[in-house]
Amino acid sequence: MDQEALKANLSGLERKIQILLNEHKSLKDEIRTIKLENHELRTDLRKRDEQLTSFKNQIKITKIVDYINPEDEGISELKRKVDEYIREIDKCIAHVSR
């Protein structure tokens, strides 16, 4: 091969390498963005799961309180305490969610 042909091949290879490097950088940036979005979505999902569990527990406690006979004096005190605990739990959940 003559020198001109070698220079042309070398120039073509350099262009192809530059294109590959640019594509590689672009793909790395895209992967970084997708990983960040994935992390944010997992965090959001975890928070929603915690909220759902909290709501389920509130429903269970509310059902227990509703089944208690309100005519008993000790029971009404128990209902009041359970309601108070629920409010306190709600405050704790709100604080942890921040």
Protein backbone atom coordinates (compact mmCIF):
# COMPACT_ATOMS: atom_id res chain seq x y z
CA MET A 1 0.00 0.00 0.00
CA ASP A 2 1.17 3.44 -0.70
CA GLN A 3 1.40 6.17 1.86
CA GLU A 4 -1.72 8.02 0.68
CA ALA A 5 -3.87 4.92 1.10
CA LEU A 6 -2.48 4.36 4.61
CA LYS A 7 -3.22 7.97 5.54
CA ALA A 8 -6.78 7.63 4.21
CA ASN A 9 -7.31 4.40 6.19
CA LEU A 10 -5.85 5.98 9.31
CA SER A 11 -8.04 9.04 8.91
CA GLY A 12 -11.12 6.83 8.46
CA LEU A 13 -10.24 4.84 11.59
CA GLU A 14 -9.75 8.03 13.60
CA ARG A 15 -13.21 9.26 12.52
CA LYS A 16 -14.79 5.93 13.44
CA ILE A 17 -13.04 5.91 16.82
CA GLN A 18 -14.24 9.46 17.50
CA ILE A 19 -17.83 8.45 16.60
CA LEU A 20 -17.60 5.41 18.90
CA LEU A 21 -16.19 7.53 21.75
CA ASN A 22 -19.02 10.05 21.38
CA GLU A 23 -21.61 7.28 21.34
CA HIS A 24 -19.99 5.65 24.38
CA LYS A 25 -20.12 8.94 26.31
CA SER A 26 -23.74 9.45 25.32
CA LEU A 27 -24.68 5.94 26.48
CA LYS A 28 -22.85 6.42 29.78
CA ASP A 29 -24.78 9.65 30.38
CA GLU A 30 -28.05 7.90 29.57
CA ILE A 31 -27.23 5.04 31.96
CA ARG A 32 -26.41 7.52 34.72
CA THR A 33 -29.73 9.31 34.17
CA ILE A 34 -31.69 6.04 34.16
CA LYS A 35 -29.96 4.83 37.33
CA LEU A 36 -30.83 8.09 39.09
CA GLU A 37 -34.45 7.86 37.96
CA ASN A 38 -34.57 4.22 39.07
CA HIS A 39 -33.26 5.15 42.52
CA GLU A 40 -35.83 7.94 42.87
CA LEU A 41 -38.66 5.63 41.80
CA ARG A 42 -37.57 2.93 44.27
CA THR A 43 -37.43 5.50 47.07
CA ASP A 44 -40.91 6.75 46.15
CA LEU A 45 -42.23 3.18 46.03
CA ARG A 46 -40.74 2.42 49.45
CA LYS A 47 -42.40 5.53 50.93
CA ARG A 48 -45.75 4.57 49.42
CA ASP A 49 -45.43 1.03 50.78
CA GLU A 50 -44.79 2.46 54.24
CA GLN A 51 -47.82 4.72 53.94
CA LEU A 52 -49.97 1.81 52.79
CA THR A 53 -48.84 -0.29 55.74
CA SER A 54 -49.62 2.61 58.05
CA PHE A 55 -53.10 3.03 56.57
CA LYS A 56 -53.77 -0.70 56.90
CA ASN A 57 -52.75 -0.56 60.56
CA GLN A 58 -55.01 2.46 61.12
CA ILE A 59 -57.92 0.59 59.58
CA LYS A 60 -57.28 -2.44 61.81
CA ILE A 61 -57.11 -0.27 64.92
CA THR A 62 -60.25 1.61 63.92
CA LYS A 63 -62.12 -1.69 63.45
CA ILE A 64 -60.98 -2.87 66.88
CA VAL A 65 -62.15 0.37 68.46
CA ASP A 66 -65.50 0.17 66.65
CA TYR A 67 -66.17 -3.34 67.98
CA ILE A 68 -65.68 -2.26 71.57
CA ASN A 69 -68.92 -1.74 73.52
CA PRO A 70 -69.15 1.99 74.28
CA GLU A 71 -71.33 1.44 77.39
CA ASP A 72 -68.44 0.23 79.54
CA GLU A 73 -66.58 3.04 81.28
CA GLY A 74 -63.20 1.31 80.97
CA ILE A 75 -63.86 0.71 77.30
CA SER A 76 -64.52 4.38 76.57
CA GLU A 77 -61.23 5.22 78.23
CA LEU A 78 -59.56 2.55 76.12
CA LYS A 79 -61.12 4.02 72.96
CA ARG A 80 -59.85 7.45 73.91
CA LYS A 81 -56.34 6.12 74.51
CA VAL A 82 -56.33 4.18 71.25
CA ASP A 83 -57.44 7.31 69.37
CA GLU A 84 -54.69 9.24 71.11
CA TYR A 85 -52.14 6.60 70.09
CA ILE A 86 -53.34 6.74 66.50
CA ARG A 87 -52.87 10.52 66.43
CA GLU A 88 -49.39 10.14 67.91
CA ILE A 89 -48.48 7.46 65.35
CA ASP A 90 -49.74 9.74 62.57
CA LYS A 91 -47.48 12.52 63.83
CA CYS A 92 -44.50 10.15 63.92
CA ILE A 93 -45.20 8.93 60.39
CA ALA A 94 -45.50 12.51 59.13
CA HIS A 95 -42.22 13.39 60.82
CA VAL A 96 -40.39 10.36 59.37
CA SER A 97 -41.79 11.01 55.90
CA ARG A 98 -40.16 14.47 55.74
